[in-house]
Structures are given as C-alpha cells and as structure tokens.
Amino acid sequence: MKENKNVSPDQDGEQMNDDKATSQSLQDELMKPADIREEDPAKSSSQEIIVPVPEQNSNIEPQPSTMEVHHHGHVHEKKKWLEYLFQFFMLFLAVFCGFLAEYQLEHKIERDREQQFINSLLEDLAEDTSAFSATIKSYGENQKRNDTLIGLLSSKDVKSHGSLLYYLGRSASRSVRLAIHDATIQQLRNSGGLRLIRKQKVSKAIIEYYNRLVFINYLQQIEDSETSEYRKMATEVFHPVLFNGIVIESNNTIIIPPGNPALLTYDSKILFRIAGMVSYIRNTQLGLAKAETEMQTAAQELMELITNEYNLENE
C-alpha cells in the first residue's frame, strides 16, 4: 500500500518557515567571530547564543573625554632687539662691577702692605743711624791711636816707649764692623715688593741708599786684607806672650802693660815697614768713616723724605 504523499497547505507553510529559520540561524552563526562560535556546528542550529548587552541609560548624555595637555617650560616668543640689548647690558654691568670690587680689594691690600713696609723701613733707618754714629766714633778713636803708633815706631827714642807701643800695636789689629739693618729691604727685593712703593721719588732714594753699601763693603775687604798682613808683621816685632797677656778676656779690652817691655827687634827697616802697614789701615778706616758719614746723612734724608711723602708727621 502506498504512502499518502499529499500534504496540506498549512503543513507546507510551516515547513517553509522552519527552513527559513534554520537558514537564518546558520547565517547569524557564520557572521559571529570565530571565538564565539561553538565547536560543534551541528549544535549551532539548535542552541541559541545569547550575548549580554550592557544597558544604557538613555537619560545620561555621553561626556566628552578630557585630555591632559603638557606645555613646555619655555615659551619661545619673539623678542625685540631692545630686550636683547638690555640683557647684554645687565650682564656686562654685573661682570664689570665684580671686576671693580676685586680691583678695589687688591688695591687696598697692596696699600696696607706698602704702609707696613714703610713703617718697618723707617725703623731700620733709625737703627742704622745709631749704628753709623757708633762706628764713626770708633774710626775716629782708631785714627788717633794709629797716628801715635806710626810716630813712635818712626821716632829715634822708640826704646823708651815699650809699654805704649805694645798697647797701640795690639789695638791696631782691631777692626770695626758696620751692622746694617736690612731685613726690610731684603724682604722687598726677594718678594718683588719694591713695586708696592707708589712714590717714585721714595723708591729711587731707597735704592740709592742701599747701593752705598757696595762701596763700604769694598773698603772693608781692603781693611781685612791689610789687617791680616799687619798681624803677620807684628809677630816679628812684639813678644807673643805679652801681646796675648794685655787682653782682658771678660770684656775683650786691651790694657797698657806695666813697665817698659822691650820689642823683639829695633831694626829700623822692620819698624818702618810695620809703620807703613799701620798707615794703610789708618787711611782705609778714614775712607770707611767718610763713606759711613755720607750714608748716615742719606739715611736721615731718606727718613725725612718718607715722612713728608706719606704724611707721617702727626703719627
């Protein structure tokens, strides 16, 4: 018996609707991303995938997002040339004022040092003046003794003046030394401090004053040579034991020996030779006394010049 294949119109319509729904479901599934699709394509037609959609409040208007803007620290604006000129002038003024301040400070320091050197130099000159007076006096005394010694050695009655000859003969070998106080000038020369002396007249006078020592030192060297030669000749005329005995060691003074001690020789040639050497020593010391007298005068004039130039009368 054959199956009845007649289908009613209602059944036919329902069948078509089911086919359309199935086809639409497959299309929707294919349009979804791969990670949302299910692995089993057979179940895709029978299972419905529900994607939650967040609810939106239609009453809230969307707010625009706020972006943070970072501005540069320096705004490059176009400056006028007057502004550049003003900045340059202020920079120049700052540097110039700093230079002036440093210059004034250095100037003050140099002036203070100059004043210290001047005061110290005045003290040295005052001490030099006293030293000149002492040595010049000693040269004068030596000159008188040497004149007497030369006269006795050249006289015919030399044998009757033995005691005085020993005293004068022992004193003739004594020399005088000038002690100059040159600590300040040496410091000025070694440190280049002479440039600190602003007064050219004073600076020139200081140099001329200390240059006088060159000639004095030269005469002292001559005196040393003559004295050394005299001592060699004196050993031929004076007895060494007596010569040594008339010197008082406690104060280094010479006394006149008692009596009339005899000389080792009365040979006129030897006596004249030693008298001639005493004359050389006398003349050299006379030259030293003259040179030191002139230097003493120069010291006094230099002190007066410094006092006037630096207005130190009231100090």
Protein backbone atom coordinates (compact mmCIF):
# COMPACT_ATOMS: atom_id res chain seq x y z
CA MET A 1 0.00 0.00 0.00
CA LYS A 2 1.36 3.28 -0.98
CA GLU A 3 2.11 6.15 1.48
CA ASN A 4 -0.06 9.14 1.12
CA LYS A 5 2.17 11.90 -0.03
CA ASN A 6 -0.44 14.57 -0.18
CA VAL A 7 0.47 17.48 2.14
CA SER A 8 -1.91 20.09 3.27
CA PRO A 9 -1.23 23.75 2.57
CA ASP A 10 -0.83 24.53 6.28
CA GLN A 11 1.84 21.91 6.72
CA ASP A 12 3.61 23.14 3.66
CA GLY A 13 3.76 26.67 5.04
CA GLU A 14 5.09 25.55 8.41
CA GLN A 15 7.77 23.53 6.67
CA MET A 16 8.92 26.57 4.74
CA ASN A 17 9.02 28.73 7.83
CA ASP A 18 11.20 26.18 9.61
CA ASP A 19 13.61 26.07 6.70
CA LYS A 20 13.87 29.85 6.66
CA ALA A 21 14.55 29.97 10.40
CA THR A 22 17.23 27.35 10.14
CA SER A 23 18.90 29.13 7.24
CA GLN A 24 18.77 32.48 9.08
CA SER A 25 20.28 30.88 12.22
CA LEU A 26 23.20 29.49 10.22
CA GLN A 27 23.89 32.85 8.62
CA ASP A 28 23.89 34.54 12.01
CA GLU A 29 26.30 31.98 13.35
CA LEU A 30 28.71 32.46 10.48
CA MET A 31 28.68 36.22 10.95
CA LYS A 32 29.90 35.90 14.58
CA PRO A 33 33.63 35.85 15.46
CA ALA A 34 35.42 32.54 15.50
CA ASP A 35 35.98 32.55 19.26
CA ILE A 36 32.20 32.89 19.90
CA ARG A 37 31.24 30.09 17.60
CA GLU A 38 30.73 26.70 19.12
CA GLU A 39 32.98 23.82 18.12
CA ASP A 40 30.14 21.58 17.13
CA PRO A 41 28.41 23.05 14.06
CA ALA A 42 25.60 20.57 14.48
CA LYS A 43 24.56 22.18 17.74
CA SER A 44 24.70 25.66 16.36
CA SER A 45 21.37 25.30 14.75
CA SER A 46 19.64 24.01 17.85
CA GLN A 47 21.30 26.22 20.56
CA GLU A 48 20.83 29.93 20.78
CA ILE A 49 23.87 32.04 21.78
CA ILE A 50 22.98 34.96 23.98
CA VAL A 51 25.48 37.86 24.13
CA PRO A 52 24.81 40.20 27.06
CA VAL A 53 24.48 43.81 26.09
CA PRO A 54 25.01 46.41 28.83
CA GLU A 55 22.03 48.51 29.46
CA GLN A 56 22.36 52.16 28.63
CA ASN A 57 20.51 54.88 30.35
CA SER A 58 19.02 56.93 27.66
CA ASN A 59 18.70 59.89 30.06
CA ILE A 60 22.55 60.29 30.54
CA GLU A 61 24.24 62.18 27.82
CA PRO A 62 27.74 60.96 26.81
CA GLN A 63 30.53 63.08 28.36
CA PRO A 64 33.47 64.05 26.16
CA SER A 65 36.82 62.66 27.34
CA THR A 66 39.28 65.14 28.86
CA MET A 67 42.87 65.05 27.52
CA GLU A 68 45.82 66.26 29.59
CA VAL A 69 47.98 68.71 27.71
CA HIS A 70 51.63 69.32 28.73
CA HIS A 71 53.04 72.73 27.95
CA HIS A 72 56.77 73.42 27.51
CA GLY A 73 58.52 75.38 30.28
CA HIS A 74 59.97 77.89 27.86
CA VAL A 75 57.66 79.66 25.56
CA HIS A 76 59.56 80.74 22.54
CA GLU A 77 58.35 84.18 21.82
CA LYS A 78 59.90 86.59 19.50
CA LYS A 79 61.84 89.26 21.44
CA LYS A 80 62.63 92.73 20.37
CA TRP A 81 66.25 93.78 19.84
CA LEU A 82 65.96 96.24 22.74
CA GLU A 83 65.35 93.36 25.12
CA TYR A 84 68.49 91.58 23.90
CA LEU A 85 70.46 94.82 24.27
CA PHE A 86 69.16 95.32 27.80
CA GLN A 87 70.09 91.76 28.82
CA PHE A 88 73.57 92.20 27.37
CA PHE A 89 73.99 95.49 29.22
CA MET A 90 72.93 93.97 32.55
CA LEU A 91 75.34 91.05 32.09
CA PHE A 92 78.16 93.41 31.20
CA LEU A 93 77.35 95.62 34.20
CA ALA A 94 77.44 92.64 36.58
CA VAL A 95 80.82 91.48 35.30
CA PHE A 96 82.23 94.99 35.37
CA CYS A 97 81.05 95.61 38.95
CA GLY A 98 82.65 92.34 40.04
CA PHE A 99 85.88 93.36 38.41
CA LEU A 100 85.81 96.75 40.15
CA ALA A 101 85.17 95.14 43.53
CA GLU A 102 88.08 92.75 43.11
CA TYR A 103 90.34 95.55 41.92
CA GLN A 104 89.47 97.73 44.90
CA LEU A 105 90.14 94.86 47.31
CA GLU A 106 93.50 94.11 45.75
CA HIS A 107 94.33 97.81 45.74
CA LYS A 108 93.56 98.09 49.45
CA ILE A 109 95.67 95.03 50.28
CA GLU A 110 98.65 96.46 48.39
CA ARG A 111 98.28 99.85 50.11
CA ASP A 112 98.23 98.16 53.50
CA ARG A 113 101.35 96.18 52.66
CA GLU A 114 103.06 99.31 51.42
CA GLN A 115 102.32 101.06 54.70
CA GLN A 116 103.72 98.13 56.65
CA PHE A 117 106.93 98.15 54.59
CA ILE A 118 107.31 101.91 55.01
CA ASN A 119 106.93 101.72 58.79
CA SER A 120 109.38 98.83 59.01
CA LEU A 121 111.84 100.66 56.77
CA LEU A 122 111.72 103.74 58.99
CA GLU A 123 112.60 101.59 61.99
CA ASP A 124 115.57 100.09 60.11
CA LEU A 125 116.82 103.52 59.10
CA ALA A 126 116.60 104.79 62.68
CA GLU A 127 118.68 101.83 63.88
CA ASP A 128 121.16 102.36 61.03
CA THR A 129 121.64 105.96 62.10
CA SER A 130 122.61 104.83 65.61
CA ALA A 131 124.95 102.18 64.21
CA PHE A 132 126.67 104.77 61.99
CA SER A 133 127.28 107.02 64.97
CA ALA A 134 128.95 104.18 66.90
CA THR A 135 131.25 103.02 64.07
CA ILE A 136 132.23 106.55 63.03
CA LYS A 137 133.20 107.27 66.62
CA SER A 138 135.30 104.08 66.75
CA TYR A 139 137.09 105.02 63.50
CA GLY A 140 137.96 108.38 64.99
CA GLU A 141 139.46 106.77 68.07
CA ASN A 142 141.39 104.26 65.93
CA GLN A 143 142.77 107.07 63.81
CA LYS A 144 144.23 108.84 66.85
CA ARG A 145 145.84 105.64 68.17
CA ASN A 146 147.29 104.73 64.79
CA ASP A 147 148.77 108.19 64.30
CA THR A 148 150.51 107.86 67.66
CA LEU A 149 151.78 104.35 66.81
CA ILE A 150 153.21 105.49 63.48
CA GLY A 151 155.01 108.36 65.22
CA LEU A 152 156.51 106.14 67.94
CA LEU A 153 157.73 103.45 65.51
CA SER A 154 159.44 106.15 63.44
CA SER A 155 161.00 108.03 66.37
CA LYS A 156 164.62 107.73 67.50
CA ASP A 157 163.74 107.07 71.14
CA VAL A 158 161.48 104.11 70.31
CA LYS A 159 163.10 102.06 73.08
CA SER A 160 161.74 104.31 75.80
CA HIS A 161 158.06 103.77 74.85
CA GLY A 162 157.78 99.99 75.08
CA SER A 163 154.62 99.92 77.23
CA LEU A 164 152.69 102.29 74.94
CA LEU A 165 153.96 100.55 71.81
CA TYR A 166 152.55 97.21 73.00
CA TYR A 167 149.20 98.77 73.77
CA LEU A 168 148.95 100.63 70.45
CA GLY A 169 150.40 97.73 68.47
CA ARG A 170 147.77 95.35 69.91
CA SER A 171 144.94 97.82 69.27
CA ALA A 172 145.96 98.41 65.63
CA SER A 173 144.69 94.97 64.59
CA ARG A 174 141.21 95.67 65.90
CA SER A 175 138.67 96.41 63.20
CA VAL A 176 135.19 97.94 63.28
CA ARG A 177 132.21 96.36 61.57
CA LEU A 178 129.07 98.16 60.49
CA ALA A 179 125.86 96.24 61.16
CA ILE A 180 123.20 97.45 58.72
CA HIS A 181 119.57 96.58 59.49
CA ASP A 182 118.47 95.45 56.04
CA ALA A 183 115.70 92.96 56.87
CA THR A 184 113.02 95.11 55.26
CA ILE A 185 114.92 95.87 52.05
CA GLN A 186 115.88 92.20 51.68
CA GLN A 187 112.24 91.20 52.02
CA LEU A 188 111.24 93.80 49.45
CA ARG A 189 113.83 92.57 46.98
CA ASN A 190 113.14 88.86 47.43
CA SER A 191 109.36 89.20 47.16
CA GLY A 192 109.32 91.86 44.46
CA GLY A 193 107.77 94.25 46.94
CA LEU A 194 109.56 97.34 45.62
CA ARG A 195 106.72 97.71 43.11
CA LEU A 196 104.43 98.42 46.07
CA ILE A 197 106.21 101.71 46.72
CA ARG A 198 103.98 104.13 44.80
CA LYS A 199 106.19 107.17 45.30
CA GLN A 200 108.86 107.01 42.61
CA LYS A 201 110.98 109.56 44.42
CA VAL A 202 110.96 107.44 47.57
CA SER A 203 111.65 104.23 45.66
CA LYS A 204 114.64 105.78 43.91
CA ALA A 205 116.03 107.16 47.18
CA ILE A 206 115.74 103.73 48.85
CA ILE A 207 117.69 102.04 46.06
CA GLU A 208 120.40 104.72 46.09
CA TYR A 209 120.73 104.48 49.86
CA TYR A 210 121.37 100.73 49.93
CA ASN A 211 123.67 100.91 46.90
CA ARG A 212 126.10 102.82 49.10
CA LEU A 213 126.80 99.57 50.91
CA VAL A 214 128.66 98.27 47.86
CA PHE A 215 131.49 100.75 48.33
CA ILE A 216 131.56 100.28 52.10
CA ASN A 217 131.82 96.50 51.73
CA TYR A 218 134.65 97.01 49.24
CA LEU A 219 136.63 99.15 51.72
CA GLN A 220 136.03 96.62 54.50
CA GLN A 221 137.52 93.87 52.35
CA ILE A 222 140.61 96.02 51.82
CA GLU A 223 140.85 96.67 55.55
CA ASP A 224 140.62 92.93 56.26
CA SER A 225 143.49 92.23 53.87
CA GLU A 226 145.65 94.97 55.37
CA THR A 227 144.92 93.88 58.94
CA SER A 228 145.83 90.29 58.10
CA GLU A 229 149.16 91.44 56.64
CA TYR A 230 149.84 93.63 59.68
CA ARG A 231 149.35 90.72 62.10
CA LYS A 232 151.98 88.70 60.27
CA MET A 233 154.46 91.56 60.54
CA ALA A 234 153.60 92.20 64.22
CA THR A 235 154.87 88.74 65.21
CA GLU A 236 158.39 89.90 64.25
CA VAL A 237 158.25 92.98 66.50
CA PHE A 238 156.09 92.24 69.55
CA HIS A 239 156.51 89.41 72.07
CA PRO A 240 153.58 86.98 71.63
CA VAL A 241 153.16 86.16 75.34
CA LEU A 242 152.99 89.79 76.34
CA PHE A 243 150.83 90.58 73.33
CA ASN A 244 148.31 87.99 74.50
CA GLY A 245 148.54 88.94 78.18
CA ILE A 246 147.34 92.52 77.81
CA VAL A 247 143.88 91.44 76.53
CA ILE A 248 141.18 91.12 79.19
CA GLU A 249 139.03 88.19 78.11
CA SER A 250 136.00 89.09 80.24
CA ASN A 251 135.25 92.25 78.25
CA ASN A 252 137.75 91.88 75.38
CA THR A 253 139.54 95.12 76.19
CA ILE A 254 143.23 95.95 75.95
CA ILE A 255 145.26 97.36 78.84
CA ILE A 256 148.63 99.10 78.92
CA PRO A 257 151.27 96.71 80.30
CA PRO A 258 153.33 97.92 83.25
CA GLY A 259 156.98 98.97 82.94
CA ASN A 260 158.80 99.36 79.66
CA PRO A 261 158.76 95.98 77.93
CA ALA A 262 161.25 95.57 75.09
CA LEU A 263 160.42 94.82 71.47
CA LEU A 264 161.76 91.73 69.70
CA THR A 265 163.67 93.92 67.29
CA TYR A 266 164.56 97.56 66.84
CA ASP A 267 165.58 97.18 63.23
CA SER A 268 164.52 100.44 61.61
CA LYS A 269 163.59 98.75 58.31
CA ILE A 270 161.23 96.34 60.03
CA LEU A 271 159.78 99.10 62.19
CA PHE A 272 159.25 101.34 59.17
CA ARG A 273 157.54 98.51 57.27
CA ILE A 274 155.09 97.87 60.08
CA ALA A 275 154.53 101.60 60.48
CA GLY A 276 153.71 101.80 56.76
CA MET A 277 151.16 99.00 57.10
CA VAL A 278 149.53 100.81 60.04
CA SER A 279 149.31 103.85 57.79
CA TYR A 280 147.44 101.81 55.16
CA ILE A 281 144.97 100.58 57.76
CA ARG A 282 144.51 104.12 59.06
CA ASN A 283 143.72 105.51 55.61
CA THR A 284 141.30 102.72 54.78
CA GLN A 285 139.45 103.30 58.04
CA LEU A 286 139.40 107.00 57.28
CA GLY A 287 137.71 106.19 53.96
CA LEU A 288 135.21 103.96 55.76
CA ALA A 289 134.40 106.71 58.25
CA LYS A 290 133.78 109.15 55.41
CA ALA A 291 131.59 106.71 53.46
CA GLU A 292 129.56 105.84 56.54
CA THR A 293 129.13 109.51 57.43
CA GLU A 294 127.68 110.13 53.97
CA MET A 295 125.43 107.10 54.30
CA GLN A 296 124.24 108.30 57.69
CA THR A 297 123.29 111.62 56.13
CA ALA A 298 121.49 109.77 53.35
CA ALA A 299 119.57 107.74 55.93
CA GLN A 300 118.40 110.89 57.69
CA GLU A 301 117.34 112.48 54.40
CA LEU A 302 115.50 109.32 53.37
CA MET A 303 113.63 109.24 56.67
CA GLU A 304 112.59 112.85 56.18
CA LEU A 305 111.53 112.20 52.59
CA ILE A 306 109.38 109.21 53.56
CA THR A 307 107.79 111.15 56.39
CA ASN A 308 106.85 114.02 54.08
CA GLU A 309 105.68 111.91 51.15
CA TYR A 310 103.45 109.69 53.26
CA ASN A 311 102.26 112.46 55.62
CA LEU A 312 103.61 110.78 58.75
CA GLU A 313 104.44 113.96 60.69
CA ASN A 314 101.49 113.51 63.07
CA GLU A 315 101.85 109.78 63.57
